Amino acid sequence: MNWTRSADDFEAQVPDDDVMFAVDEDEKGDELAVIADVTRDEAWISIPLSESQTISQWR
């Protein structure tokens, strides 16, 4: 997985938290959108990539 920062404004992020986004595959080969707080174990959520939206779509 390649992790990228989820916020456009780097300065707006909380210094002790690091929330990242990645695209991964499940065991069937389907793509998943994964959002994770990499400073905490087991703090992540995933949904099918086809159901996710880009940041510009949320604005």
N, C-alpha and C. Protein backbone atom coordinates (compact mmCIF):
# COMPACT_ATOMS: atom_id res chain seq x y z
N MET A 1 0.83 -1.18 0.00
CA MET A 1 0.00 0.00 0.00
C MET A 1 0.88 1.23 0.00
N ASN A 2 0.43 2.25 -0.70
CA ASN A 2 1.09 3.55 -0.67
C ASN A 2 0.20 4.51 0.10
N TRP A 3 0.70 5.03 1.22
CA TRP A 3 -0.08 5.91 2.07
C TRP A 3 0.11 7.36 1.64
N THR A 4 -0.96 8.14 1.67
CA THR A 4 -0.90 9.57 1.39
C THR A 4 -1.66 10.30 2.49
N ARG A 5 -1.29 11.56 2.72
CA ARG A 5 -1.98 12.36 3.72
C ARG A 5 -3.39 12.69 3.23
N SER A 6 -4.35 12.66 4.17
CA SER A 6 -5.74 12.87 3.80
C SER A 6 -6.15 14.34 3.78
N ALA A 7 -5.37 15.22 4.41
CA ALA A 7 -5.73 16.63 4.48
C ALA A 7 -4.91 17.43 3.46
N ASP A 8 -5.56 18.37 2.80
CA ASP A 8 -4.86 19.24 1.86
C ASP A 8 -3.95 20.22 2.59
N ASP A 9 -4.38 20.67 3.78
CA ASP A 9 -3.64 21.66 4.54
C ASP A 9 -2.81 20.94 5.60
N PHE A 10 -1.52 20.77 5.33
CA PHE A 10 -0.63 20.06 6.25
C PHE A 10 -0.63 20.70 7.63
N GLU A 11 -0.68 22.03 7.71
CA GLU A 11 -0.64 22.73 8.99
C GLU A 11 -1.91 22.49 9.81
N ALA A 12 -3.01 22.09 9.17
CA ALA A 12 -4.27 21.89 9.88
C ALA A 12 -4.31 20.57 10.63
N GLN A 13 -3.36 19.69 10.40
CA GLN A 13 -3.35 18.40 11.05
C GLN A 13 -2.87 18.51 12.49
N VAL A 14 -3.41 17.66 13.33
CA VAL A 14 -2.97 17.59 14.72
C VAL A 14 -1.60 16.94 14.74
N PRO A 15 -0.61 17.53 15.41
CA PRO A 15 0.76 17.03 15.33
C PRO A 15 0.95 15.58 15.79
N ASP A 16 0.17 15.12 16.77
CA ASP A 16 0.36 13.77 17.28
C ASP A 16 -0.47 12.73 16.53
N ASP A 17 -1.29 13.14 15.61
CA ASP A 17 -2.13 12.21 14.85
C ASP A 17 -1.67 12.20 13.40
N ASP A 18 -1.77 11.06 12.77
CA ASP A 18 -1.39 10.96 11.37
C ASP A 18 -2.39 10.06 10.67
N VAL A 19 -3.39 10.68 10.06
CA VAL A 19 -4.42 9.94 9.34
C VAL A 19 -4.02 9.87 7.88
N MET A 20 -4.05 8.65 7.35
CA MET A 20 -3.58 8.42 5.99
C MET A 20 -4.63 7.66 5.19
N PHE A 21 -4.48 7.72 3.87
CA PHE A 21 -5.39 7.04 2.94
C PHE A 21 -4.57 6.15 2.02
N ALA A 22 -5.12 4.98 1.70
CA ALA A 22 -4.46 4.07 0.77
C ALA A 22 -5.50 3.26 0.01
N VAL A 23 -5.09 2.73 -1.12
CA VAL A 23 -5.91 1.79 -1.88
C VAL A 23 -5.25 0.43 -1.74
N ASP A 24 -6.04 -0.56 -1.34
CA ASP A 24 -5.54 -1.92 -1.13
C ASP A 24 -6.48 -2.89 -1.84
N GLU A 25 -6.13 -4.15 -1.85
CA GLU A 25 -6.98 -5.19 -2.43
C GLU A 25 -7.37 -6.19 -1.36
N ASP A 26 -8.62 -6.68 -1.45
CA ASP A 26 -9.02 -7.74 -0.54
C ASP A 26 -8.63 -9.09 -1.12
N GLU A 27 -9.01 -10.17 -0.44
CA GLU A 27 -8.60 -11.50 -0.87
C GLU A 27 -9.18 -11.91 -2.23
N LYS A 28 -10.24 -11.23 -2.68
CA LYS A 28 -10.83 -11.51 -3.99
C LYS A 28 -10.21 -10.66 -5.10
N GLY A 29 -9.34 -9.71 -4.73
CA GLY A 29 -8.73 -8.83 -5.71
C GLY A 29 -9.50 -7.54 -5.94
N ASP A 30 -10.59 -7.32 -5.17
CA ASP A 30 -11.36 -6.08 -5.28
C ASP A 30 -10.62 -4.96 -4.57
N GLU A 31 -10.66 -3.74 -5.14
CA GLU A 31 -9.95 -2.61 -4.54
C GLU A 31 -10.74 -2.02 -3.38
N LEU A 32 -10.02 -1.66 -2.32
CA LEU A 32 -10.60 -1.07 -1.12
C LEU A 32 -9.96 0.28 -0.85
N ALA A 33 -10.77 1.25 -0.41
CA ALA A 33 -10.26 2.52 0.09
C ALA A 33 -10.08 2.34 1.59
N VAL A 34 -8.86 2.61 2.09
CA VAL A 34 -8.54 2.40 3.51
C VAL A 34 -8.13 3.73 4.12
N ILE A 35 -8.76 4.09 5.23
CA ILE A 35 -8.39 5.28 5.99
C ILE A 35 -7.92 4.78 7.35
N ALA A 36 -6.73 5.22 7.78
CA ALA A 36 -6.17 4.72 9.03
C ALA A 36 -5.47 5.82 9.81
N ASP A 37 -5.60 5.74 11.13
CA ASP A 37 -4.80 6.57 12.02
C ASP A 37 -3.57 5.74 12.33
N VAL A 38 -2.47 6.03 11.67
CA VAL A 38 -1.28 5.19 11.79
C VAL A 38 -0.55 5.35 13.11
N THR A 39 -1.03 6.24 13.99
CA THR A 39 -0.43 6.37 15.32
C THR A 39 -1.11 5.43 16.32
N ARG A 40 -2.17 4.73 15.90
CA ARG A 40 -2.90 3.83 16.79
C ARG A 40 -3.10 2.48 16.12
N ASP A 41 -2.84 1.40 16.83
CA ASP A 41 -3.09 0.07 16.30
C ASP A 41 -4.58 -0.15 16.11
N GLU A 42 -4.91 -0.84 15.05
CA GLU A 42 -6.30 -1.23 14.77
C GLU A 42 -7.26 -0.05 14.58
N ALA A 43 -6.76 1.14 14.30
CA ALA A 43 -7.61 2.31 14.08
C ALA A 43 -7.70 2.57 12.58
N TRP A 44 -8.55 1.80 11.89
CA TRP A 44 -8.69 1.94 10.46
C TRP A 44 -10.09 1.51 10.03
N ILE A 45 -10.47 1.92 8.85
CA ILE A 45 -11.74 1.53 8.26
C ILE A 45 -11.53 1.40 6.75
N SER A 46 -12.27 0.49 6.13
CA SER A 46 -12.16 0.35 4.68
C SER A 46 -13.55 0.20 4.08
N ILE A 47 -13.67 0.66 2.83
CA ILE A 47 -14.89 0.49 2.05
C ILE A 47 -14.47 0.17 0.62
N PRO A 48 -15.37 -0.41 -0.16
CA PRO A 48 -15.03 -0.64 -1.57
C PRO A 48 -14.65 0.69 -2.24
N LEU A 49 -13.57 0.68 -3.00
CA LEU A 49 -13.10 1.89 -3.65
C LEU A 49 -14.18 2.49 -4.54
N SER A 50 -14.98 1.66 -5.17
CA SER A 50 -16.04 2.15 -6.06
C SER A 50 -17.10 2.96 -5.32
N GLU A 51 -17.21 2.80 -3.99
CA GLU A 51 -18.18 3.55 -3.19
C GLU A 51 -17.59 4.79 -2.54
N SER A 52 -16.27 5.00 -2.67
CA SER A 52 -15.63 6.15 -2.05
C SER A 52 -15.72 7.37 -2.96
N GLN A 53 -15.45 8.54 -2.38
CA GLN A 53 -15.47 9.79 -3.12
C GLN A 53 -14.15 10.52 -2.93
N THR A 54 -13.81 11.37 -3.89
CA THR A 54 -12.60 12.17 -3.78
C THR A 54 -12.86 13.34 -2.82
N ILE A 55 -11.78 13.96 -2.35
CA ILE A 55 -11.92 15.13 -1.46
C ILE A 55 -12.72 16.23 -2.15
N SER A 56 -12.47 16.46 -3.43
CA SER A 56 -13.18 17.52 -4.14
C SER A 56 -14.67 17.22 -4.24
N GLN A 57 -15.07 15.96 -4.26
CA GLN A 57 -16.50 15.62 -4.29
C GLN A 57 -17.17 15.91 -2.96
N TRP A 58 -16.42 15.84 -1.86
CA TRP A 58 -16.98 16.12 -0.54
C TRP A 58 -17.10 17.62 -0.28
N ARG A 59 -16.35 18.43 -1.02
CA ARG A 59 -16.36 19.88 -0.76
C ARG A 59 -17.59 20.53 -1.27
